[in-house]
All heavy atoms as atom14 arrays in JSON, in Angstrom:
{
  "sequence": "INHRDIPGFFLNTTAEAASIIEALGPERVGLQFDLYH",
  "atom14_mask": [
    [1, 1, 1, 1, 1, 1, 1, 1, 0, 0, 0, 0, 0, 0],
    [1, 1, 1, 1, 1, 1, 1, 1, 0, 0, 0, 0, 0, 0],
    [1, 1, 1, 1, 1, 1, 1, 1, 1, 1, 0, 0, 0, 0],
    [1, 1, 1, 1, 1, 1, 1, 1, 1, 1, 1, 0, 0, 0],
    [1, 1, 1, 1, 1, 1, 1, 1, 0, 0, 0, 0, 0, 0],
    [1, 1, 1, 1, 1, 1, 1, 1, 0, 0, 0, 0, 0, 0],
    [1, 1, 1, 1, 1, 1, 1, 0, 0, 0, 0, 0, 0, 0],
    [1, 1, 1, 1, 0, 0, 0, 0, 0, 0, 0, 0, 0, 0],
    [1, 1, 1, 1, 1, 1, 1, 1, 1, 1, 1, 0, 0, 0],
    [1, 1, 1, 1, 1, 1, 1, 1, 1, 1, 1, 0, 0, 0],
    [1, 1, 1, 1, 1, 1, 1, 1, 0, 0, 0, 0, 0, 0],
    [1, 1, 1, 1, 1, 1, 1, 1, 0, 0, 0, 0, 0, 0],
    [1, 1, 1, 1, 1, 1, 1, 0, 0, 0, 0, 0, 0, 0],
    [1, 1, 1, 1, 1, 1, 1, 0, 0, 0, 0, 0, 0, 0],
    [1, 1, 1, 1, 1, 0, 0, 0, 0, 0, 0, 0, 0, 0],
    [1, 1, 1, 1, 1, 1, 1, 1, 1, 0, 0, 0, 0, 0],
    [1, 1, 1, 1, 1, 0, 0, 0, 0, 0, 0, 0, 0, 0],
    [1, 1, 1, 1, 1, 0, 0, 0, 0, 0, 0, 0, 0, 0],
    [1, 1, 1, 1, 1, 1, 0, 0, 0, 0, 0, 0, 0, 0],
    [1, 1, 1, 1, 1, 1, 1, 1, 0, 0, 0, 0, 0, 0],
    [1, 1, 1, 1, 1, 1, 1, 1, 0, 0, 0, 0, 0, 0],
    [1, 1, 1, 1, 1, 1, 1, 1, 1, 0, 0, 0, 0, 0],
    [1, 1, 1, 1, 1, 0, 0, 0, 0, 0, 0, 0, 0, 0],
    [1, 1, 1, 1, 1, 1, 1, 1, 0, 0, 0, 0, 0, 0],
    [1, 1, 1, 1, 0, 0, 0, 0, 0, 0, 0, 0, 0, 0],
    [1, 1, 1, 1, 1, 1, 1, 0, 0, 0, 0, 0, 0, 0],
    [1, 1, 1, 1, 1, 1, 1, 1, 1, 0, 0, 0, 0, 0],
    [1, 1, 1, 1, 1, 1, 1, 1, 1, 1, 1, 0, 0, 0],
    [1, 1, 1, 1, 1, 1, 1, 0, 0, 0, 0, 0, 0, 0],
    [1, 1, 1, 1, 0, 0, 0, 0, 0, 0, 0, 0, 0, 0],
    [1, 1, 1, 1, 1, 1, 1, 1, 0, 0, 0, 0, 0, 0],
    [1, 1, 1, 1, 1, 1, 1, 1, 1, 0, 0, 0, 0, 0],
    [1, 1, 1, 1, 1, 1, 1, 1, 1, 1, 1, 0, 0, 0],
    [1, 1, 1, 1, 1, 1, 1, 1, 0, 0, 0, 0, 0, 0],
    [1, 1, 1, 1, 1, 1, 1, 1, 0, 0, 0, 0, 0, 0],
    [1, 1, 1, 1, 1, 1, 1, 1, 1, 1, 1, 1, 0, 0],
    [1, 1, 1, 1, 1, 1, 1, 1, 1, 1, 0, 0, 0, 0]
  ],
  "atom14_positions": [
    [[0.85, -1.19, 0.0], [0.0, 0.0, 0.0], [0.88, 1.24, 0.0], [1.88, 1.3, 0.72], [-0.95, 0.0, 1.21], [-1.93, -1.2, 1.09], [-1.71, 1.31, 1.33], [-2.89, -1.34, 2.25], [0.0, 0.0, 0.0], [0.0, 0.0, 0.0], [0.0, 0.0, 0.0], [0.0, 0.0, 0.0], [0.0, 0.0, 0.0], [0.0, 0.0, 0.0]],
    [[0.5, 2.23, -0.81], [1.34, 3.42, -0.93], [1.29, 4.28, 0.33], [0.32, 4.25, 1.09], [0.92, 4.22, -2.17], [-0.37, 5.0, -1.94], [-0.39, 6.07, -1.33], [-1.49, 4.47, -2.44], [0.0, 0.0, 0.0], [0.0, 0.0, 0.0], [0.0, 0.0, 0.0], [0.0, 0.0, 0.0], [0.0, 0.0, 0.0], [0.0, 0.0, 0.0]],
    [[2.36, 5.06, 0.52], [2.47, 5.89, 1.72], [1.63, 7.16, 1.66], [1.49, 7.83, 2.68], [3.95, 6.27, 1.94], [4.67, 5.32, 2.83], [6.04, 5.3, 2.95], [4.22, 4.34, 3.63], [6.39, 4.35, 3.81], [5.3, 3.75, 4.22], [0.0, 0.0, 0.0], [0.0, 0.0, 0.0], [0.0, 0.0, 0.0], [0.0, 0.0, 0.0]],
    [[1.07, 7.47, 0.51], [0.21, 8.64, 0.43], [-1.15, 8.35, 1.06], [-1.69, 9.17, 1.81], [0.01, 9.06, -1.03], [-0.74, 10.37, -1.2], [-0.72, 10.81, -2.64], [-1.69, 10.06, -3.45], [-1.68, 10.04, -4.78], [-0.74, 10.69, -5.45], [-2.6, 9.36, -5.45], [0.0, 0.0, 0.0], [0.0, 0.0, 0.0], [0.0, 0.0, 0.0]],
    [[-1.69, 7.18, 0.78], [-2.99, 6.82, 1.34], [-2.89, 6.36, 2.79], [-3.76, 6.68, 3.6], [-3.64, 5.72, 0.5], [-4.24, 6.25, -0.79], [-3.54, 6.98, -1.52], [-5.41, 5.96, -1.06], [0.0, 0.0, 0.0], [0.0, 0.0, 0.0], [0.0, 0.0, 0.0], [0.0, 0.0, 0.0], [0.0, 0.0, 0.0], [0.0, 0.0, 0.0]],
    [[-1.87, 5.56, 3.09], [-1.68, 5.08, 4.46], [-0.23, 5.33, 4.85], [0.63, 4.46, 4.68], [-2.03, 3.58, 4.61], [-3.47, 3.31, 4.13], [-1.88, 3.15, 6.06], [-3.92, 1.86, 4.31], [0.0, 0.0, 0.0], [0.0, 0.0, 0.0], [0.0, 0.0, 0.0], [0.0, 0.0, 0.0], [0.0, 0.0, 0.0], [0.0, 0.0, 0.0]],
    [[0.07, 6.53, 5.35], [1.44, 6.83, 5.77], [1.93, 5.84, 6.83], [1.2, 5.52, 7.78], [1.33, 8.24, 6.35], [0.11, 8.82, 5.69], [-0.84, 7.67, 5.53], [0.0, 0.0, 0.0], [0.0, 0.0, 0.0], [0.0, 0.0, 0.0], [0.0, 0.0, 0.0], [0.0, 0.0, 0.0], [0.0, 0.0, 0.0], [0.0, 0.0, 0.0]],
    [[3.15, 5.34, 6.64], [3.73, 4.44, 7.62], [3.38, 2.99, 7.45], [3.8, 2.14, 8.27], [0.0, 0.0, 0.0], [0.0, 0.0, 0.0], [0.0, 0.0, 0.0], [0.0, 0.0, 0.0], [0.0, 0.0, 0.0], [0.0, 0.0, 0.0], [0.0, 0.0, 0.0], [0.0, 0.0, 0.0], [0.0, 0.0, 0.0], [0.0, 0.0, 0.0]],
    [[2.62, 2.63, 6.4], [2.27, 1.22, 6.22], [3.53, 0.41, 6.0], [4.45, 0.82, 5.3], [1.32, 1.06, 5.02], [0.61, -0.26, 4.99], [-0.42, -0.53, 5.88], [0.97, -1.25, 4.08], [-1.08, -1.75, 5.86], [0.32, -2.46, 4.04], [-0.71, -2.72, 4.94], [0.0, 0.0, 0.0], [0.0, 0.0, 0.0], [0.0, 0.0, 0.0]],
    [[3.59, -0.77, 6.61], [4.83, -1.54, 6.65], [5.24, -2.09, 5.28], [6.43, -2.14, 4.96], [4.68, -2.71, 7.63], [5.92, -3.55, 7.76], [7.04, -3.05, 8.4], [5.97, -4.83, 7.24], [8.2, -3.82, 8.52], [7.11, -5.61, 7.35], [8.23, -5.11, 7.99], [0.0, 0.0, 0.0], [0.0, 0.0, 0.0], [0.0, 0.0, 0.0]],
    [[4.27, -2.49, 4.47], [4.58, -3.12, 3.18], [4.23, -2.14, 2.05], [3.06, -1.8, 1.87], [3.76, -4.41, 3.02], [4.03, -5.24, 1.76], [5.44, -5.81, 1.76], [3.0, -6.37, 1.63], [0.0, 0.0, 0.0], [0.0, 0.0, 0.0], [0.0, 0.0, 0.0], [0.0, 0.0, 0.0], [0.0, 0.0, 0.0], [0.0, 0.0, 0.0]],
    [[5.23, -1.72, 1.3], [5.01, -0.66, 0.31], [5.22, -1.05, -1.14], [4.57, -0.48, -2.02], [5.93, 0.53, 0.61], [5.76, 1.08, 1.99], [6.72, 1.23, 2.72], [4.52, 1.38, 2.37], [0.0, 0.0, 0.0], [0.0, 0.0, 0.0], [0.0, 0.0, 0.0], [0.0, 0.0, 0.0], [0.0, 0.0, 0.0], [0.0, 0.0, 0.0]],
    [[6.12, -1.96, -1.43], [6.45, -2.23, -2.83], [6.15, -3.69, -3.2], [6.16, -4.59, -2.35], [7.94, -1.95, -3.12], [8.75, -2.95, -2.48], [8.34, -0.57, -2.64], [0.0, 0.0, 0.0], [0.0, 0.0, 0.0], [0.0, 0.0, 0.0], [0.0, 0.0, 0.0], [0.0, 0.0, 0.0], [0.0, 0.0, 0.0], [0.0, 0.0, 0.0]],
    [[5.94, -3.88, -4.49], [5.69, -5.23, -4.98], [6.92, -6.11, -4.83], [6.79, -7.32, -4.62], [5.24, -5.19, -6.45], [6.21, -4.49, -7.23], [3.9, -4.5, -6.58], [0.0, 0.0, 0.0], [0.0, 0.0, 0.0], [0.0, 0.0, 0.0], [0.0, 0.0, 0.0], [0.0, 0.0, 0.0], [0.0, 0.0, 0.0], [0.0, 0.0, 0.0]],
    [[8.1, -5.52, -4.91], [9.33, -6.31, -4.73], [9.42, -6.86, -3.31], [9.81, -8.01, -3.1], [10.56, -5.46, -5.06], [0.0, 0.0, 0.0], [0.0, 0.0, 0.0], [0.0, 0.0, 0.0], [0.0, 0.0, 0.0], [0.0, 0.0, 0.0], [0.0, 0.0, 0.0], [0.0, 0.0, 0.0], [0.0, 0.0, 0.0], [0.0, 0.0, 0.0]],
    [[9.07, -6.01, -2.33], [9.07, -6.49, -0.93], [8.07, -7.63, -0.77], [8.37, -8.65, -0.13], [8.68, -5.34, 0.0], [9.71, -4.23, 0.1], [9.17, -3.02, 0.86], [7.93, -2.84, 0.92], [10.0, -2.27, 1.39], [0.0, 0.0, 0.0], [0.0, 0.0, 0.0], [0.0, 0.0, 0.0], [0.0, 0.0, 0.0], [0.0, 0.0, 0.0]],
    [[6.88, -7.45, -1.33], [5.86, -8.49, -1.2], [6.29, -9.78, -1.88], [6.12, -10.88, -1.32], [4.55, -7.98, -1.8], [0.0, 0.0, 0.0], [0.0, 0.0, 0.0], [0.0, 0.0, 0.0], [0.0, 0.0, 0.0], [0.0, 0.0, 0.0], [0.0, 0.0, 0.0], [0.0, 0.0, 0.0], [0.0, 0.0, 0.0], [0.0, 0.0, 0.0]],
    [[6.87, -9.68, -3.07], [7.29, -10.87, -3.8], [8.36, -11.63, -3.03], [8.37, -12.87, -3.0], [7.8, -10.49, -5.18], [0.0, 0.0, 0.0], [0.0, 0.0, 0.0], [0.0, 0.0, 0.0], [0.0, 0.0, 0.0], [0.0, 0.0, 0.0], [0.0, 0.0, 0.0], [0.0, 0.0, 0.0], [0.0, 0.0, 0.0], [0.0, 0.0, 0.0]],
    [[9.28, -10.9, -2.39], [10.33, -11.54, -1.61], [9.76, -12.33, -0.44], [10.18, -13.46, -0.16], [11.31, -10.47, -1.1], [12.3, -11.06, -0.29], [0.0, 0.0, 0.0], [0.0, 0.0, 0.0], [0.0, 0.0, 0.0], [0.0, 0.0, 0.0], [0.0, 0.0, 0.0], [0.0, 0.0, 0.0], [0.0, 0.0, 0.0], [0.0, 0.0, 0.0]],
    [[8.79, -11.75, 0.23], [8.15, -12.44, 1.37], [7.37, -13.65, 0.89], [7.45, -14.74, 1.48], [7.23, -11.45, 2.11], [8.06, -10.37, 2.81], [6.35, -12.18, 3.13], [7.27, -9.17, 3.27], [0.0, 0.0, 0.0], [0.0, 0.0, 0.0], [0.0, 0.0, 0.0], [0.0, 0.0, 0.0], [0.0, 0.0, 0.0], [0.0, 0.0, 0.0]],
    [[6.63, -13.5, -0.19], [5.85, -14.61, -0.73], [6.75, -15.75, -1.19], [6.47, -16.93, -0.95], [4.95, -14.13, -1.88], [3.86, -13.19, -1.33], [4.32, -15.3, -2.62], [3.1, -12.44, -2.4], [0.0, 0.0, 0.0], [0.0, 0.0, 0.0], [0.0, 0.0, 0.0], [0.0, 0.0, 0.0], [0.0, 0.0, 0.0], [0.0, 0.0, 0.0]],
    [[7.84, -15.4, -1.83], [8.78, -16.43, -2.3], [9.35, -17.21, -1.13], [9.53, -18.44, -1.2], [9.89, -15.77, -3.11], [10.7, -16.76, -3.92], [11.51, -16.07, -5.0], [11.94, -14.93, -4.79], [11.71, -16.7, -6.06], [0.0, 0.0, 0.0], [0.0, 0.0, 0.0], [0.0, 0.0, 0.0], [0.0, 0.0, 0.0], [0.0, 0.0, 0.0]],
    [[9.64, -16.51, -0.02], [10.19, -17.19, 1.15], [9.17, -18.12, 1.8], [9.53, -19.2, 2.28], [10.68, -16.15, 2.16], [0.0, 0.0, 0.0], [0.0, 0.0, 0.0], [0.0, 0.0, 0.0], [0.0, 0.0, 0.0], [0.0, 0.0, 0.0], [0.0, 0.0, 0.0], [0.0, 0.0, 0.0], [0.0, 0.0, 0.0], [0.0, 0.0, 0.0]],
    [[7.91, -17.71, 1.82], [6.87, -18.51, 2.48], [6.28, -19.56, 1.56], [5.7, -20.55, 2.02], [5.75, -17.6, 2.98], [6.12, -16.65, 4.12], [5.02, -15.63, 4.36], [6.39, -17.44, 5.4], [0.0, 0.0, 0.0], [0.0, 0.0, 0.0], [0.0, 0.0, 0.0], [0.0, 0.0, 0.0], [0.0, 0.0, 0.0], [0.0, 0.0, 0.0]],
    [[6.42, -19.33, 0.25], [5.86, -20.26, -0.73], [4.65, -19.68, -1.41], [3.63, -19.45, -0.76], [0.0, 0.0, 0.0], [0.0, 0.0, 0.0], [0.0, 0.0, 0.0], [0.0, 0.0, 0.0], [0.0, 0.0, 0.0], [0.0, 0.0, 0.0], [0.0, 0.0, 0.0], [0.0, 0.0, 0.0], [0.0, 0.0, 0.0], [0.0, 0.0, 0.0]],
    [[4.72, -19.4, -2.73], [3.58, -18.81, -3.43], [2.35, -19.69, -3.5], [1.26, -19.22, -3.79], [4.14, -18.53, -4.84], [5.34, -19.41, -4.96], [5.89, -19.57, -3.58], [0.0, 0.0, 0.0], [0.0, 0.0, 0.0], [0.0, 0.0, 0.0], [0.0, 0.0, 0.0], [0.0, 0.0, 0.0], [0.0, 0.0, 0.0], [0.0, 0.0, 0.0]],
    [[2.53, -20.97, -3.2], [1.36, -21.84, -3.12], [0.61, -21.64, -1.8], [-0.56, -22.04, -1.68], [1.78, -23.31, -3.28], [2.49, -23.91, -2.08], [3.95, -23.48, -1.96], [4.45, -22.75, -2.83], [4.6, -23.9, -0.96], [0.0, 0.0, 0.0], [0.0, 0.0, 0.0], [0.0, 0.0, 0.0], [0.0, 0.0, 0.0], [0.0, 0.0, 0.0]],
    [[1.25, -20.97, -0.83], [0.65, -20.78, 0.49], [0.15, -19.35, 0.7], [-0.83, -19.13, 1.42], [1.68, -21.11, 1.58], [2.23, -22.52, 1.5], [3.35, -22.73, 2.52], [2.83, -22.7, 3.88], [3.34, -21.97, 4.86], [4.37, -21.16, 4.64], [2.82, -22.02, 6.07], [0.0, 0.0, 0.0], [0.0, 0.0, 0.0], [0.0, 0.0, 0.0]],
    [[0.84, -18.37, 0.14], [0.51, -16.96, 0.29], [0.55, -16.31, -1.08], [1.46, -16.57, -1.86], [1.49, -16.25, 1.24], [1.15, -14.76, 1.37], [1.52, -16.91, 2.61], [0.0, 0.0, 0.0], [0.0, 0.0, 0.0], [0.0, 0.0, 0.0], [0.0, 0.0, 0.0], [0.0, 0.0, 0.0], [0.0, 0.0, 0.0], [0.0, 0.0, 0.0]],
    [[-0.45, -15.48, -1.38], [-0.51, -14.83, -2.68], [-0.37, -13.32, -2.59], [-0.38, -12.73, -1.5], [0.0, 0.0, 0.0], [0.0, 0.0, 0.0], [0.0, 0.0, 0.0], [0.0, 0.0, 0.0], [0.0, 0.0, 0.0], [0.0, 0.0, 0.0], [0.0, 0.0, 0.0], [0.0, 0.0, 0.0], [0.0, 0.0, 0.0], [0.0, 0.0, 0.0]],
    [[-0.24, -12.7, -3.75], [-0.13, -11.26, -3.85], [-1.47, -10.66, -4.25], [-2.1, -11.1, -5.21], [0.91, -10.88, -4.9], [1.06, -9.38, -5.22], [1.54, -8.61, -4.01], [2.01, -9.17, -6.4], [0.0, 0.0, 0.0], [0.0, 0.0, 0.0], [0.0, 0.0, 0.0], [0.0, 0.0, 0.0], [0.0, 0.0, 0.0], [0.0, 0.0, 0.0]],
    [[-1.91, -9.68, -3.5], [-3.05, -8.85, -3.88], [-2.46, -7.65, -4.61], [-1.95, -6.72, -3.99], [-3.84, -8.43, -2.64], [-5.08, -7.62, -2.92], [-5.91, -7.43, -1.67], [-6.14, -8.37, -0.91], [-6.36, -6.21, -1.43], [0.0, 0.0, 0.0], [0.0, 0.0, 0.0], [0.0, 0.0, 0.0], [0.0, 0.0, 0.0], [0.0, 0.0, 0.0]],
    [[-2.54, -7.69, -5.93], [-1.88, -6.68, -6.76], [-2.87, -5.57, -7.06], [-3.75, -5.71, -7.91], [-1.37, -7.33, -8.05], [-0.61, -6.4, -8.95], [0.64, -5.93, -8.58], [-1.14, -5.99, -10.17], [1.36, -5.07, -9.42], [-0.43, -5.14, -11.01], [0.81, -4.67, -10.63], [0.0, 0.0, 0.0], [0.0, 0.0, 0.0], [0.0, 0.0, 0.0]],
    [[-2.72, -4.47, -6.35], [-3.59, -3.31, -6.53], [-2.91, -2.33, -7.47], [-1.88, -1.74, -7.13], [-3.87, -2.66, -5.17], [-4.95, -1.6, -5.24], [-4.89, -0.76, -6.16], [-5.83, -1.58, -4.36], [0.0, 0.0, 0.0], [0.0, 0.0, 0.0], [0.0, 0.0, 0.0], [0.0, 0.0, 0.0], [0.0, 0.0, 0.0], [0.0, 0.0, 0.0]],
    [[-3.48, -2.16, -8.65], [-2.84, -1.33, -9.67], [-2.8, 0.13, -9.26], [-1.91, 0.88, -9.68], [-3.55, -1.49, -11.01], [-3.17, -2.76, -11.8], [-3.9, -3.97, -11.25], [-3.49, -2.62, -13.28], [0.0, 0.0, 0.0], [0.0, 0.0, 0.0], [0.0, 0.0, 0.0], [0.0, 0.0, 0.0], [0.0, 0.0, 0.0], [0.0, 0.0, 0.0]],
    [[-3.75, 0.56, -8.45], [-3.76, 1.94, -7.95], [-2.54, 2.2, -7.07], [-1.8, 3.16, -7.28], [-5.05, 2.19, -7.18], [-5.07, 3.44, -6.35], [-5.28, 4.69, -6.94], [-4.89, 3.38, -4.96], [-5.3, 5.85, -6.16], [-4.92, 4.53, -4.19], [-5.12, 5.76, -4.8], [-5.13, 6.9, -4.02], [0.0, 0.0, 0.0], [0.0, 0.0, 0.0]],
    [[-2.31, 1.35, -6.11], [-1.15, 1.53, -5.22], [0.15, 1.39, -5.99], [1.11, 2.15, -5.76], [-1.19, 0.51, -4.08], [-2.32, 0.72, -3.12], [-2.48, 1.89, -2.43], [-3.33, -0.09, -2.72], [-3.54, 1.81, -1.64], [-4.08, 0.6, -1.81], [0.0, 0.0, 0.0], [0.0, 0.0, 0.0], [0.0, 0.0, 0.0], [0.0, 0.0, 0.0]]
  ]
}
């Protein structure tokens, strides 16, 4: 989620999310890809 809408949100970029998902397993956790953010 972008910092303009929710300042201070912990997860900001798709790269960060992809890294976490890859570590946990994409079969177990997925990405909610919001094109606006």
